[in-house]
Amino acid sequence: MAVDFVVESDRTQLSEIVQRVRDGRLRTNIGNIATLDDAVAALNPTERISGKTIIRVRP
């Protein structure tokens, strides 16, 4: 069974999320930041990493 859905961004809600991050009421859980060149290795780690992996596209 497959379920298709579309997510439409809401500027008001996105602004609220930004404000919560700036106020410290919402924290991100970033475990690793890697360059695009290192993306394959970063997304296939040999050890468990707590948090999300971020791939940096621009230097």
PDB file of N, CA and C in Angstrom:
ATOM      1  N   MET A   1       0.844  -1.176   0.000  1.00  0.00           N
ATOM      2  CA  MET A   1       0.000   0.000   0.000  1.00  0.00           C
ATOM      3  C   MET A   1       0.887   1.235   0.000  1.00  0.00           C
ATOM      4  N   ALA A   2       0.573   2.185  -0.835  1.00  0.00           N
ATOM      5  CA  ALA A   2       1.319   3.435  -0.908  1.00  0.00           C
ATOM      6  C   ALA A   2       0.384   4.602  -0.621  1.00  0.00           C
ATOM      7  N   VAL A   3       0.909   5.584   0.077  1.00  0.00           N
ATOM      8  CA  VAL A   3       0.129   6.777   0.372  1.00  0.00           C
ATOM      9  C   VAL A   3       0.906   7.977  -0.137  1.00  0.00           C
ATOM     10  N   ASP A   4       0.309   8.726  -1.025  1.00  0.00           N
ATOM     11  CA  ASP A   4       0.925   9.940  -1.538  1.00  0.00           C
ATOM     12  C   ASP A   4       0.359  11.136  -0.793  1.00  0.00           C
ATOM     13  N   PHE A   5       1.204  12.110  -0.523  1.00  0.00           N
ATOM     14  CA  PHE A   5       0.720  13.321   0.115  1.00  0.00           C
ATOM     15  C   PHE A   5       1.589  14.500  -0.304  1.00  0.00           C
ATOM     16  N   VAL A   6       1.037  15.674  -0.194  1.00  0.00           N
ATOM     17  CA  VAL A   6       1.732  16.907  -0.539  1.00  0.00           C
ATOM     18  C   VAL A   6       1.775  17.780   0.699  1.00  0.00           C
ATOM     19  N   VAL A   7       2.939  18.332   0.974  1.00  0.00           N
ATOM     20  CA  VAL A   7       3.086  19.233   2.114  1.00  0.00           C
ATOM     21  C   VAL A   7       3.229  20.649   1.574  1.00  0.00           C
ATOM     22  N   GLU A   8       2.361  21.516   2.017  1.00  0.00           N
ATOM     23  CA  GLU A   8       2.435  22.911   1.624  1.00  0.00           C
ATOM     24  C   GLU A   8       2.947  23.715   2.802  1.00  0.00           C
ATOM     25  N   SER A   9       4.021  24.455   2.572  1.00  0.00           N
ATOM     26  CA  SER A   9       4.589  25.244   3.663  1.00  0.00           C
ATOM     27  C   SER A   9       3.693  26.439   3.973  1.00  0.00           C
ATOM     28  N   ASP A  10       3.656  26.779   5.236  1.00  0.00           N
ATOM     29  CA  ASP A  10       2.863  27.898   5.724  1.00  0.00           C
ATOM     30  C   ASP A  10       3.836  28.917   6.306  1.00  0.00           C
ATOM     31  N   ARG A  11       3.911  30.077   5.690  1.00  0.00           N
ATOM     32  CA  ARG A  11       4.881  31.104   6.099  1.00  0.00           C
ATOM     33  C   ARG A  11       4.747  31.464   7.575  1.00  0.00           C
ATOM     34  N   THR A  12       3.535  31.544   8.084  1.00  0.00           N
ATOM     35  CA  THR A  12       3.311  31.892   9.487  1.00  0.00           C
ATOM     36  C   THR A  12       3.897  30.837  10.410  1.00  0.00           C
ATOM     37  N   GLN A  13       3.650  29.567  10.102  1.00  0.00           N
ATOM     38  CA  GLN A  13       4.179  28.493  10.945  1.00  0.00           C
ATOM     39  C   GLN A  13       5.692  28.403  10.847  1.00  0.00           C
ATOM     40  N   LEU A  14       6.244  28.605   9.647  1.00  0.00           N
ATOM     41  CA  LEU A  14       7.699  28.575   9.498  1.00  0.00           C
ATOM     42  C   LEU A  14       8.350  29.719  10.277  1.00  0.00           C
ATOM     43  N   SER A  15       7.715  30.883  10.272  1.00  0.00           N
ATOM     44  CA  SER A  15       8.231  32.025  11.039  1.00  0.00           C
ATOM     45  C   SER A  15       8.215  31.734  12.533  1.00  0.00           C
ATOM     46  N   GLU A  16       7.179  31.037  12.995  1.00  0.00           N
ATOM     47  CA  GLU A  16       7.089  30.656  14.406  1.00  0.00           C
ATOM     48  C   GLU A  16       8.211  29.699  14.786  1.00  0.00           C
ATOM     49  N   ILE A  17       8.526  28.758  13.911  1.00  0.00           N
ATOM     50  CA  ILE A  17       9.628  27.827  14.185  1.00  0.00           C
ATOM     51  C   ILE A  17      10.946  28.580  14.276  1.00  0.00           C
ATOM     52  N   VAL A  18      11.179  29.507  13.355  1.00  0.00           N
ATOM     53  CA  VAL A  18      12.407  30.315  13.386  1.00  0.00           C
ATOM     54  C   VAL A  18      12.502  31.087  14.689  1.00  0.00           C
ATOM     55  N   GLN A  19      11.408  31.700  15.113  1.00  0.00           N
ATOM     56  CA  GLN A  19      11.414  32.476  16.350  1.00  0.00           C
ATOM     57  C   GLN A  19      11.693  31.589  17.560  1.00  0.00           C
ATOM     58  N   ARG A  20      11.144  30.388  17.583  1.00  0.00           N
ATOM     59  CA  ARG A  20      11.392  29.469  18.698  1.00  0.00           C
ATOM     60  C   ARG A  20      12.861  29.060  18.763  1.00  0.00           C
ATOM     61  N   VAL A  21      13.479  28.834  17.620  1.00  0.00           N
ATOM     62  CA  VAL A  21      14.908  28.494  17.598  1.00  0.00           C
ATOM     63  C   VAL A  21      15.721  29.664  18.131  1.00  0.00           C
ATOM     64  N   ARG A  22      15.416  30.862  17.670  1.00  0.00           N
ATOM     65  CA  ARG A  22      16.145  32.059  18.115  1.00  0.00           C
ATOM     66  C   ARG A  22      15.972  32.311  19.605  1.00  0.00           C
ATOM     67  N   ASP A  23      14.784  32.025  20.135  1.00  0.00           N
ATOM     68  CA  ASP A  23      14.517  32.228  21.560  1.00  0.00           C
ATOM     69  C   ASP A  23      15.073  31.118  22.438  1.00  0.00           C
ATOM     70  N   GLY A  24      15.529  30.023  21.830  1.00  0.00           N
ATOM     71  CA  GLY A  24      16.046  28.902  22.607  1.00  0.00           C
ATOM     72  C   GLY A  24      14.957  27.957  23.089  1.00  0.00           C
ATOM     73  N   ARG A  25      13.730  28.121  22.596  1.00  0.00           N
ATOM     74  CA  ARG A  25      12.631  27.246  22.997  1.00  0.00           C
ATOM     75  C   ARG A  25      12.582  25.977  22.155  1.00  0.00           C
ATOM     76  N   LEU A  26      13.355  25.950  21.070  1.00  0.00           N
ATOM     77  CA  LEU A  26      13.415  24.792  20.198  1.00  0.00           C
ATOM     78  C   LEU A  26      14.873  24.570  19.833  1.00  0.00           C
ATOM     79  N   ARG A  27      15.362  23.379  20.100  1.00  0.00           N
ATOM     80  CA  ARG A  27      16.766  23.076  19.827  1.00  0.00           C
ATOM     81  C   ARG A  27      16.864  22.021  18.740  1.00  0.00           C
ATOM     82  N   THR A  28      17.881  22.152  17.940  1.00  0.00           N
ATOM     83  CA  THR A  28      18.122  21.156  16.904  1.00  0.00           C
ATOM     84  C   THR A  28      19.017  20.064  17.457  1.00  0.00           C
ATOM     85  N   ASN A  29      18.941  18.893  16.878  1.00  0.00           N
ATOM     86  CA  ASN A  29      19.753  17.760  17.308  1.00  0.00           C
ATOM     87  C   ASN A  29      20.672  17.370  16.150  1.00  0.00           C
ATOM     88  N   ILE A  30      21.762  18.125  15.987  1.00  0.00           N
ATOM     89  CA  ILE A  30      22.704  17.896  14.898  1.00  0.00           C
ATOM     90  C   ILE A  30      23.848  17.036  15.409  1.00  0.00           C
ATOM     91  N   GLY A  31      24.046  15.899  14.746  1.00  0.00           N
ATOM     92  CA  GLY A  31      25.097  14.974  15.164  1.00  0.00           C
ATOM     93  C   GLY A  31      26.366  15.125  14.366  1.00  0.00           C
ATOM     94  N   ASN A  32      26.248  15.452  13.074  1.00  0.00           N
ATOM     95  CA  ASN A  32      27.411  15.513  12.210  1.00  0.00           C
ATOM     96  C   ASN A  32      27.114  16.484  11.078  1.00  0.00           C
ATOM     97  N   ILE A  33      28.114  17.290  10.707  1.00  0.00           N
ATOM     98  CA  ILE A  33      28.019  18.175   9.549  1.00  0.00           C
ATOM     99  C   ILE A  33      29.145  17.780   8.612  1.00  0.00           C
ATOM    100  N   ALA A  34      28.788  17.459   7.359  1.00  0.00           N
ATOM    101  CA  ALA A  34      29.778  17.013   6.393  1.00  0.00           C
ATOM    102  C   ALA A  34      29.648  17.813   5.106  1.00  0.00           C
ATOM    103  N   THR A  35      30.732  17.874   4.340  1.00  0.00           N
ATOM    104  CA  THR A  35      30.694  18.531   3.040  1.00  0.00           C
ATOM    105  C   THR A  35      30.041  17.594   2.032  1.00  0.00           C
ATOM    106  N   LEU A  36      29.682  18.121   0.889  1.00  0.00           N
ATOM    107  CA  LEU A  36      29.066  17.319  -0.156  1.00  0.00           C
ATOM    108  C   LEU A  36      30.016  16.216  -0.627  1.00  0.00           C
ATOM    109  N   ASP A  37      31.308  16.512  -0.641  1.00  0.00           N
ATOM    110  CA  ASP A  37      32.299  15.506  -1.043  1.00  0.00           C
ATOM    111  C   ASP A  37      32.338  14.319  -0.085  1.00  0.00           C
ATOM    112  N   ASP A  38      32.033  14.545   1.172  1.00  0.00           N
ATOM    113  CA  ASP A  38      32.073  13.495   2.195  1.00  0.00           C
ATOM    114  C   ASP A  38      30.691  12.932   2.520  1.00  0.00           C
ATOM    115  N   ALA A  39      29.692  13.246   1.705  1.00  0.00           N
ATOM    116  CA  ALA A  39      28.317  12.877   2.009  1.00  0.00           C
ATOM    117  C   ALA A  39      28.099  11.367   2.098  1.00  0.00           C
ATOM    118  N   VAL A  40      28.675  10.602   1.193  1.00  0.00           N
ATOM    119  CA  VAL A  40      28.450   9.155   1.195  1.00  0.00           C
ATOM    120  C   VAL A  40      28.967   8.546   2.492  1.00  0.00           C
ATOM    121  N   ALA A  41      30.165   8.919   2.895  1.00  0.00           N
ATOM    122  CA  ALA A  41      30.733   8.388   4.135  1.00  0.00           C
ATOM    123  C   ALA A  41      29.938   8.864   5.347  1.00  0.00           C
ATOM    124  N   ALA A  42      29.488  10.113   5.323  1.00  0.00           N
ATOM    125  CA  ALA A  42      28.742  10.663   6.458  1.00  0.00           C
ATOM    126  C   ALA A  42      27.387   9.981   6.620  1.00  0.00           C
ATOM    127  N   LEU A  43      26.773   9.587   5.508  1.00  0.00           N
ATOM    128  CA  LEU A  43      25.456   8.962   5.576  1.00  0.00           C
ATOM    129  C   LEU A  43      25.529   7.454   5.786  1.00  0.00           C
ATOM    130  N   ASN A  44      26.735   6.897   5.749  1.00  0.00           N
ATOM    131  CA  ASN A  44      26.954   5.474   6.016  1.00  0.00           C
ATOM    132  C   ASN A  44      28.040   5.322   7.079  1.00  0.00           C
ATOM    133  N   PRO A  45      27.781   5.810   8.297  1.00  0.00           N
ATOM    134  CA  PRO A  45      28.822   5.797   9.333  1.00  0.00           C
ATOM    135  C   PRO A  45      29.142   4.376   9.808  1.00  0.00           C
ATOM    136  N   THR A  46      30.365   4.206  10.287  1.00  0.00           N
ATOM    137  CA  THR A  46      30.773   2.914  10.833  1.00  0.00           C
ATOM    138  C   THR A  46      30.366   2.782  12.289  1.00  0.00           C
ATOM    139  N   GLU A  47      30.078   3.891  12.935  1.00  0.00           N
ATOM    140  CA  GLU A  47      29.623   3.868  14.324  1.00  0.00           C
ATOM    141  C   GLU A  47      28.341   4.685  14.444  1.00  0.00           C
ATOM    142  N   ARG A  48      27.583   4.429  15.480  1.00  0.00           N
ATOM    143  CA  ARG A  48      26.309   5.120  15.683  1.00  0.00           C
ATOM    144  C   ARG A  48      26.566   6.555  16.134  1.00  0.00           C
ATOM    145  N   ILE A  49      25.870   7.479  15.492  1.00  0.00           N
ATOM    146  CA  ILE A  49      25.993   8.898  15.814  1.00  0.00           C
ATOM    147  C   ILE A  49      24.630   9.398  16.277  1.00  0.00           C
ATOM    148  N   SER A  50      24.614  10.078  17.397  1.00  0.00           N
ATOM    149  CA  SER A  50      23.379  10.642  17.914  1.00  0.00           C
ATOM    150  C   SER A  50      23.099  11.957  17.198  1.00  0.00           C
ATOM    151  N   GLY A  51      21.907  12.132  16.694  1.00  0.00           N
ATOM    152  CA  GLY A  51      21.533  13.370  16.010  1.00  0.00           C
ATOM    153  C   GLY A  51      21.466  13.201  14.514  1.00  0.00           C
ATOM    154  N   LYS A  52      21.069  14.251  13.846  1.00  0.00           N
ATOM    155  CA  LYS A  52      20.903  14.257  12.404  1.00  0.00           C
ATOM    156  C   LYS A  52      22.203  14.610  11.701  1.00  0.00           C
ATOM    157  N   THR A  53      22.379  14.087  10.505  1.00  0.00           N
ATOM    158  CA  THR A  53      23.541  14.407   9.684  1.00  0.00           C
ATOM    159  C   THR A  53      23.145  15.499   8.708  1.00  0.00           C
ATOM    160  N   ILE A  54      23.919  16.566   8.670  1.00  0.00           N
ATOM    161  CA  ILE A  54      23.691  17.701   7.791  1.00  0.00           C
ATOM    162  C   ILE A  54      24.757  17.675   6.707  1.00  0.00           C
ATOM    163  N   ILE A  55      24.328  17.770   5.439  1.00  0.00           N
ATOM    164  CA  ILE A  55      25.267  17.836   4.326  1.00  0.00           C
ATOM    165  C   ILE A  55      25.346  19.299   3.891  1.00  0.00           C
ATOM    166  N   ARG A  56      26.546  19.851   3.987  1.00  0.00           N
ATOM    167  CA  ARG A  56      26.777  21.254   3.618  1.00  0.00           C
ATOM    168  C   ARG A  56      27.086  21.298   2.127  1.00  0.00           C
ATOM    169  N   VAL A  57      26.244  21.997   1.373  1.00  0.00           N
ATOM    170  CA  VAL A  57      26.413  22.065  -0.072  1.00  0.00           C
ATOM    171  C   VAL A  57      27.352  23.204  -0.448  1.00  0.00           C
ATOM    172  N   ARG A  58      27.255  24.282   0.253  1.00  0.00           N
ATOM    173  CA  ARG A  58      28.124  25.444  -0.029  1.00  0.00           C
ATOM    174  C   ARG A  58      29.226  25.531   1.023  1.00  0.00           C
ATOM    175  N   PRO A  59      30.381  26.021   0.605  1.00  0.00           N
ATOM    176  CA  PRO A  59      31.479  26.157   1.600  1.00  0.00           C
ATOM    177  C   PRO A  59      31.223  27.244   2.617  1.00  0.00           C
TER     178      PRO A  59
END
